[in-house]
Amino acid sequence: MAWIPVNLLNYSSLHSLLTSIIFPVLDEVNNIGSSKILYLATVDIVGKWNAPIFSWKKILNQLNIYFDREI
C-alpha cells in the first residue's frame, strides 16, 4: 500500500503537465516551462499531504521485516 502516494504523485504531476499549455517545440523556454509546471504541481500536491497515514504501525512493522531492521 506504500506505493499509492507515489502513483498519486505521478498521476497528479502528469495531469498538471498535460492540462497546461505547452507547445511541442523542443527549445529551452518550453523545457524550463515544463520543469516549472512539474515543480509547482509537486509543491501543490505535497502541501495537501496533511492527513495521517492509515495503519502506519502495520506498515512500519512490514518495512522492519523486509529491510531487516535498518529503518
PDB file of N, CA and C in Angstrom:
ATOM      1  N   MET A   1       0.805  -1.201   0.000  1.00  0.00           N
ATOM      2  CA  MET A   1       0.000   0.000   0.000  1.00  0.00           C
ATOM      3  C   MET A   1       0.848   1.265   0.000  1.00  0.00           C
ATOM      4  N   ALA A   2       2.146   1.122   0.238  1.00  0.00           N
ATOM      5  CA  ALA A   2       3.004   2.305   0.288  1.00  0.00           C
ATOM      6  C   ALA A   2       3.200   2.921  -1.088  1.00  0.00           C
ATOM      7  N   TRP A   3       2.895   2.188  -2.146  1.00  0.00           N
ATOM      8  CA  TRP A   3       3.090   2.709  -3.494  1.00  0.00           C
ATOM      9  C   TRP A   3       1.979   3.658  -3.916  1.00  0.00           C
ATOM     10  N   ILE A   4       0.868   3.686  -3.200  1.00  0.00           N
ATOM     11  CA  ILE A   4      -0.268   4.523  -3.594  1.00  0.00           C
ATOM     12  C   ILE A   4       0.091   6.011  -3.617  1.00  0.00           C
ATOM     13  N   PRO A   5       0.766   6.584  -2.599  1.00  0.00           N
ATOM     14  CA  PRO A   5       1.126   8.008  -2.692  1.00  0.00           C
ATOM     15  C   PRO A   5       2.035   8.316  -3.873  1.00  0.00           C
ATOM     16  N   VAL A   6       2.923   7.384  -4.215  1.00  0.00           N
ATOM     17  CA  VAL A   6       3.814   7.602  -5.356  1.00  0.00           C
ATOM     18  C   VAL A   6       3.015   7.636  -6.643  1.00  0.00           C
ATOM     19  N   ASN A   7       2.077   6.714  -6.801  1.00  0.00           N
ATOM     20  CA  ASN A   7       1.249   6.713  -8.006  1.00  0.00           C
ATOM     21  C   ASN A   7       0.358   7.944  -8.075  1.00  0.00           C
ATOM     22  N   LEU A   8      -0.158   8.393  -6.934  1.00  0.00           N
ATOM     23  CA  LEU A   8      -0.964   9.615  -6.932  1.00  0.00           C
ATOM     24  C   LEU A   8      -0.124  10.824  -7.318  1.00  0.00           C
ATOM     25  N   LEU A   9       1.114  10.859  -6.846  1.00  0.00           N
ATOM     26  CA  LEU A   9       2.009  11.951  -7.214  1.00  0.00           C
ATOM     27  C   LEU A   9       2.303  11.910  -8.706  1.00  0.00           C
ATOM     28  N   ASN A  10       2.581  10.716  -9.245  1.00  0.00           N
ATOM     29  CA  ASN A  10       2.848  10.592 -10.675  1.00  0.00           C
ATOM     30  C   ASN A  10       1.638  11.012 -11.499  1.00  0.00           C
ATOM     31  N   TYR A  11       0.441  10.563 -11.095  1.00  0.00           N
ATOM     32  CA  TYR A  11      -0.767  10.918 -11.829  1.00  0.00           C
ATOM     33  C   TYR A  11      -1.031  12.418 -11.770  1.00  0.00           C
ATOM     34  N   SER A  12      -0.896  12.993 -10.585  1.00  0.00           N
ATOM     35  CA  SER A  12      -1.191  14.417 -10.429  1.00  0.00           C
ATOM     36  C   SER A  12      -0.213  15.285 -11.201  1.00  0.00           C
ATOM     37  N   SER A  13       1.068  14.910 -11.182  1.00  0.00           N
ATOM     38  CA  SER A  13       2.044  15.707 -11.921  1.00  0.00           C
ATOM     39  C   SER A  13       1.836  15.546 -13.421  1.00  0.00           C
ATOM     40  N   LEU A  14       1.508  14.335 -13.879  1.00  0.00           N
ATOM     41  CA  LEU A  14       1.245  14.133 -15.303  1.00  0.00           C
ATOM     42  C   LEU A  14      -0.009  14.890 -15.717  1.00  0.00           C
ATOM     43  N   HIS A  15      -1.030  14.874 -14.868  1.00  0.00           N
ATOM     44  CA  HIS A  15      -2.265  15.599 -15.164  1.00  0.00           C
ATOM     45  C   HIS A  15      -1.996  17.101 -15.277  1.00  0.00           C
ATOM     46  N   SER A  16      -1.183  17.636 -14.379  1.00  0.00           N
ATOM     47  CA  SER A  16      -0.853  19.062 -14.433  1.00  0.00           C
ATOM     48  C   SER A  16      -0.087  19.400 -15.698  1.00  0.00           C
ATOM     49  N   LEU A  17       0.804  18.507 -16.084  1.00  0.00           N
ATOM     50  CA  LEU A  17       1.613  18.747 -17.273  1.00  0.00           C
ATOM     51  C   LEU A  17       0.762  18.682 -18.538  1.00  0.00           C
ATOM     52  N   LEU A  18      -0.164  17.721 -18.592  1.00  0.00           N
ATOM     53  CA  LEU A  18      -0.972  17.554 -19.796  1.00  0.00           C
ATOM     54  C   LEU A  18      -2.059  18.613 -19.928  1.00  0.00           C
ATOM     55  N   THR A  19      -2.542  19.143 -18.819  1.00  0.00           N
ATOM     56  CA  THR A  19      -3.613  20.130 -18.901  1.00  0.00           C
ATOM     57  C   THR A  19      -3.102  21.552 -19.067  1.00  0.00           C
ATOM     58  N   SER A  20      -1.811  21.747 -18.964  1.00  0.00           N
ATOM     59  CA  SER A  20      -1.266  23.089 -19.166  1.00  0.00           C
ATOM     60  C   SER A  20      -0.939  23.286 -20.643  1.00  0.00           C
ATOM     61  N   ILE A  21      -0.761  24.514 -21.023  1.00  0.00           N
ATOM     62  CA  ILE A  21      -0.491  24.838 -22.422  1.00  0.00           C
ATOM     63  C   ILE A  21       1.016  24.927 -22.611  1.00  0.00           C
ATOM     64  N   ILE A  22       1.566  23.884 -23.212  1.00  0.00           N
ATOM     65  CA  ILE A  22       2.986  23.869 -23.563  1.00  0.00           C
ATOM     66  C   ILE A  22       3.066  23.456 -25.023  1.00  0.00           C
ATOM     67  N   PHE A  23       3.700  24.267 -25.814  1.00  0.00           N
ATOM     68  CA  PHE A  23       3.817  23.959 -27.224  1.00  0.00           C
ATOM     69  C   PHE A  23       4.860  22.868 -27.427  1.00  0.00           C
ATOM     70  N   PRO A  24       4.632  21.953 -28.362  1.00  0.00           N
ATOM     71  CA  PRO A  24       5.533  20.812 -28.529  1.00  0.00           C
ATOM     72  C   PRO A  24       6.830  21.130 -29.278  1.00  0.00           C
ATOM     73  N   VAL A  25       7.374  22.278 -29.066  1.00  0.00           N
ATOM     74  CA  VAL A  25       8.639  22.655 -29.692  1.00  0.00           C
ATOM     75  C   VAL A  25       9.741  22.410 -28.668  1.00  0.00           C
ATOM     76  N   LEU A  26      10.789  21.733 -29.092  1.00  0.00           N
ATOM     77  CA  LEU A  26      11.875  21.424 -28.167  1.00  0.00           C
ATOM     78  C   LEU A  26      12.862  22.578 -28.138  1.00  0.00           C
ATOM     79  N   ASP A  27      12.654  23.471 -27.237  1.00  0.00           N
ATOM     80  CA  ASP A  27      13.603  24.559 -27.036  1.00  0.00           C
ATOM     81  C   ASP A  27      13.756  24.800 -25.539  1.00  0.00           C
ATOM     82  N   GLU A  28      14.651  25.666 -25.189  1.00  0.00           N
ATOM     83  CA  GLU A  28      14.968  25.880 -23.782  1.00  0.00           C
ATOM     84  C   GLU A  28      13.806  26.493 -23.012  1.00  0.00           C
ATOM     85  N   VAL A  29      13.038  27.343 -23.644  1.00  0.00           N
ATOM     86  CA  VAL A  29      11.927  28.007 -22.953  1.00  0.00           C
ATOM     87  C   VAL A  29      10.875  26.989 -22.528  1.00  0.00           C
ATOM     88  N   ASN A  30      10.509  26.071 -23.425  1.00  0.00           N
ATOM     89  CA  ASN A  30       9.489  25.081 -23.085  1.00  0.00           C
ATOM     90  C   ASN A  30      10.000  24.054 -22.084  1.00  0.00           C
ATOM     91  N   ASN A  31      11.299  23.736 -22.125  1.00  0.00           N
ATOM     92  CA  ASN A  31      11.844  22.820 -21.124  1.00  0.00           C
ATOM     93  C   ASN A  31      11.787  23.446 -19.742  1.00  0.00           C
ATOM     94  N   ILE A  32      12.098  24.728 -19.651  1.00  0.00           N
ATOM     95  CA  ILE A  32      12.007  25.427 -18.368  1.00  0.00           C
ATOM     96  C   ILE A  32      10.548  25.501 -17.922  1.00  0.00           C
ATOM     97  N   GLY A  33       9.651  25.740 -18.869  1.00  0.00           N
ATOM     98  CA  GLY A  33       8.226  25.790 -18.537  1.00  0.00           C
ATOM     99  C   GLY A  33       7.713  24.456 -18.018  1.00  0.00           C
ATOM    100  N   SER A  34       8.144  23.365 -18.644  1.00  0.00           N
ATOM    101  CA  SER A  34       7.735  22.034 -18.187  1.00  0.00           C
ATOM    102  C   SER A  34       8.257  21.757 -16.789  1.00  0.00           C
ATOM    103  N   SER A  35       9.512  22.105 -16.554  1.00  0.00           N
ATOM    104  CA  SER A  35      10.096  21.888 -15.232  1.00  0.00           C
ATOM    105  C   SER A  35       9.377  22.717 -14.176  1.00  0.00           C
ATOM    106  N   LYS A  36       9.033  23.943 -14.537  1.00  0.00           N
ATOM    107  CA  LYS A  36       8.348  24.820 -13.588  1.00  0.00           C
ATOM    108  C   LYS A  36       6.961  24.282 -13.262  1.00  0.00           C
ATOM    109  N   ILE A  37       6.252  23.777 -14.267  1.00  0.00           N
ATOM    110  CA  ILE A  37       4.918  23.226 -14.041  1.00  0.00           C
ATOM    111  C   ILE A  37       4.996  21.995 -13.151  1.00  0.00           C
ATOM    112  N   LEU A  38       5.976  21.111 -13.410  1.00  0.00           N
ATOM    113  CA  LEU A  38       6.128  19.928 -12.567  1.00  0.00           C
ATOM    114  C   LEU A  38       6.495  20.309 -11.136  1.00  0.00           C
ATOM    115  N   TYR A  39       7.364  21.303 -10.985  1.00  0.00           N
ATOM    116  CA  TYR A  39       7.747  21.757  -9.645  1.00  0.00           C
ATOM    117  C   TYR A  39       6.542  22.317  -8.895  1.00  0.00           C
ATOM    118  N   LEU A  40       5.785  23.185  -9.550  1.00  0.00           N
ATOM    119  CA  LEU A  40       4.629  23.787  -8.887  1.00  0.00           C
ATOM    120  C   LEU A  40       3.554  22.749  -8.574  1.00  0.00           C
ATOM    121  N   ALA A  41       3.373  21.765  -9.470  1.00  0.00           N
ATOM    122  CA  ALA A  41       2.406  20.698  -9.199  1.00  0.00           C
ATOM    123  C   ALA A  41       2.847  19.875  -7.999  1.00  0.00           C
ATOM    124  N   THR A  42       4.150  19.595  -7.898  1.00  0.00           N
ATOM    125  CA  THR A  42       4.665  18.830  -6.767  1.00  0.00           C
ATOM    126  C   THR A  42       4.497  19.596  -5.465  1.00  0.00           C
ATOM    127  N   VAL A  43       4.777  20.888  -5.489  1.00  0.00           N
ATOM    128  CA  VAL A  43       4.600  21.710  -4.285  1.00  0.00           C
ATOM    129  C   VAL A  43       3.134  21.716  -3.864  1.00  0.00           C
ATOM    130  N   ASP A  44       2.231  21.801  -4.828  1.00  0.00           N
ATOM    131  CA  ASP A  44       0.801  21.810  -4.529  1.00  0.00           C
ATOM    132  C   ASP A  44       0.353  20.474  -3.941  1.00  0.00           C
ATOM    133  N   ILE A  45       0.843  19.382  -4.511  1.00  0.00           N
ATOM    134  CA  ILE A  45       0.445  18.050  -4.047  1.00  0.00           C
ATOM    135  C   ILE A  45       0.984  17.787  -2.644  1.00  0.00           C
ATOM    136  N   VAL A  46       2.247  18.097  -2.420  1.00  0.00           N
ATOM    137  CA  VAL A  46       2.862  17.844  -1.115  1.00  0.00           C
ATOM    138  C   VAL A  46       2.213  18.711  -0.040  1.00  0.00           C
ATOM    139  N   GLY A  47       1.768  19.887  -0.403  1.00  0.00           N
ATOM    140  CA  GLY A  47       1.090  20.748   0.556  1.00  0.00           C
ATOM    141  C   GLY A  47      -0.221  20.170   1.049  1.00  0.00           C
ATOM    142  N   LYS A  48      -0.828  19.284   0.274  1.00  0.00           N
ATOM    143  CA  LYS A  48      -2.099  18.669   0.654  1.00  0.00           C
ATOM    144  C   LYS A  48      -1.913  17.410   1.501  1.00  0.00           C
ATOM    145  N   TRP A  49      -0.678  16.960   1.665  1.00  0.00           N
ATOM    146  CA  TRP A  49      -0.422  15.742   2.432  1.00  0.00           C
ATOM    147  C   TRP A  49      -0.365  16.051   3.915  1.00  0.00           C
ATOM    148  N   ASN A  50      -1.491  16.273   4.529  1.00  0.00           N
ATOM    149  CA  ASN A  50      -1.509  16.548   5.957  1.00  0.00           C
ATOM    150  C   ASN A  50      -2.331  15.530   6.731  1.00  0.00           C
ATOM    151  N   ALA A  51      -2.848  14.535   6.060  1.00  0.00           N
ATOM    152  CA  ALA A  51      -3.629  13.504   6.727  1.00  0.00           C
ATOM    153  C   ALA A  51      -2.691  12.446   7.315  1.00  0.00           C
ATOM    154  N   PRO A  52      -3.084  11.836   8.433  1.00  0.00           N
ATOM    155  CA  PRO A  52      -2.252  10.771   8.994  1.00  0.00           C
ATOM    156  C   PRO A  52      -2.258   9.545   8.082  1.00  0.00           C
ATOM    157  N   ILE A  53      -1.191   8.794   8.145  1.00  0.00           N
ATOM    158  CA  ILE A  53      -1.066   7.598   7.313  1.00  0.00           C
ATOM    159  C   ILE A  53      -1.874   6.476   7.952  1.00  0.00           C
ATOM    160  N   PHE A  54      -2.728   5.872   7.153  1.00  0.00           N
ATOM    161  CA  PHE A  54      -3.599   4.804   7.623  1.00  0.00           C
ATOM    162  C   PHE A  54      -2.766   3.568   7.957  1.00  0.00           C
ATOM    163  N   SER A  55      -2.947   3.004   9.118  1.00  0.00           N
ATOM    164  CA  SER A  55      -2.270   1.800   9.625  1.00  0.00           C
ATOM    165  C   SER A  55      -0.748   1.897   9.508  1.00  0.00           C
ATOM    166  N   TRP A  56      -0.194   3.007   9.990  1.00  0.00           N
ATOM    167  CA  TRP A  56       1.250   3.241   9.900  1.00  0.00           C
ATOM    168  C   TRP A  56       2.036   2.203  10.692  1.00  0.00           C
ATOM    169  N   LYS A  57       1.525   1.768  11.845  1.00  0.00           N
ATOM    170  CA  LYS A  57       2.246   0.784  12.659  1.00  0.00           C
ATOM    171  C   LYS A  57       2.431  -0.525  11.897  1.00  0.00           C
ATOM    172  N   LYS A  58       1.408  -0.954  11.186  1.00  0.00           N
ATOM    173  CA  LYS A  58       1.494  -2.183  10.396  1.00  0.00           C
ATOM    174  C   LYS A  58       2.503  -2.016   9.258  1.00  0.00           C
ATOM    175  N   ILE A  59       2.485  -0.872   8.603  1.00  0.00           N
ATOM    176  CA  ILE A  59       3.428  -0.600   7.512  1.00  0.00           C
ATOM    177  C   ILE A  59       4.854  -0.587   8.038  1.00  0.00           C
ATOM    178  N   LEU A  60       5.074   0.061   9.173  1.00  0.00           N
ATOM    179  CA  LEU A  60       6.412   0.135   9.752  1.00  0.00           C
ATOM    180  C   LEU A  60       6.924  -1.243  10.149  1.00  0.00           C
ATOM    181  N   ASN A  61       6.052  -2.082  10.708  1.00  0.00           N
ATOM    182  CA  ASN A  61       6.461  -3.447  11.052  1.00  0.00           C
ATOM    183  C   ASN A  61       6.849  -4.246   9.813  1.00  0.00           C
ATOM    184  N   GLN A  62       6.098  -4.097   8.732  1.00  0.00           N
ATOM    185  CA  GLN A  62       6.423  -4.806   7.496  1.00  0.00           C
ATOM    186  C   GLN A  62       7.737  -4.308   6.904  1.00  0.00           C
ATOM    187  N   LEU A  63       7.977  -3.002   6.979  1.00  0.00           N
ATOM    188  CA  LEU A  63       9.245  -2.460   6.484  1.00  0.00           C
ATOM    189  C   LEU A  63      10.420  -2.943   7.326  1.00  0.00           C
ATOM    190  N   ASN A  64      10.223  -3.052   8.640  1.00  0.00           N
ATOM    191  CA  ASN A  64      11.285  -3.572   9.503  1.00  0.00           C
ATOM    192  C   ASN A  64      11.631  -5.014   9.164  1.00  0.00           C
ATOM    193  N   ILE A  65      10.629  -5.820   8.863  1.00  0.00           N
ATOM    194  CA  ILE A  65      10.881  -7.209   8.469  1.00  0.00           C
ATOM    195  C   ILE A  65      11.579  -7.257   7.116  1.00  0.00           C
ATOM    196  N   TYR A  66      11.101  -6.472   6.175  1.00  0.00           N
ATOM    197  CA  TYR A  66      11.649  -6.508   4.818  1.00  0.00           C
ATOM    198  C   TYR A  66      13.089  -6.001   4.767  1.00  0.00           C
ATOM    199  N   PHE A  67      13.373  -4.923   5.483  1.00  0.00           N
ATOM    200  CA  PHE A  67      14.707  -4.328   5.435  1.00  0.00           C
ATOM    201  C   PHE A  67      15.585  -4.751   6.608  1.00  0.00           C
ATOM    202  N   ASP A  68      15.183  -5.769   7.341  1.00  0.00           N
ATOM    203  CA  ASP A  68      15.983  -6.353   8.413  1.00  0.00           C
ATOM    204  C   ASP A  68      16.393  -5.313   9.451  1.00  0.00           C
ATOM    205  N   ARG A  69      15.430  -4.538   9.906  1.00  0.00           N
ATOM    206  CA  ARG A  69      15.613  -3.570  10.990  1.00  0.00           C
ATOM    207  C   ARG A  69      16.610  -2.462  10.667  1.00  0.00           C
ATOM    208  N   GLU A  70      16.706  -2.066   9.425  1.00  0.00           N
ATOM    209  CA  GLU A  70      17.597  -0.968   9.040  1.00  0.00           C
ATOM    210  C   GLU A  70      16.909   0.384   9.139  1.00  0.00           C
ATOM    211  N   ILE A  71      15.629   0.388   9.377  1.00  0.00           N
ATOM    212  CA  ILE A  71      14.881   1.644   9.417  1.00  0.00           C
ATOM    213  C   ILE A  71      15.039   2.287  10.769  1.00  0.00           C
TER     214      ILE A  71
END
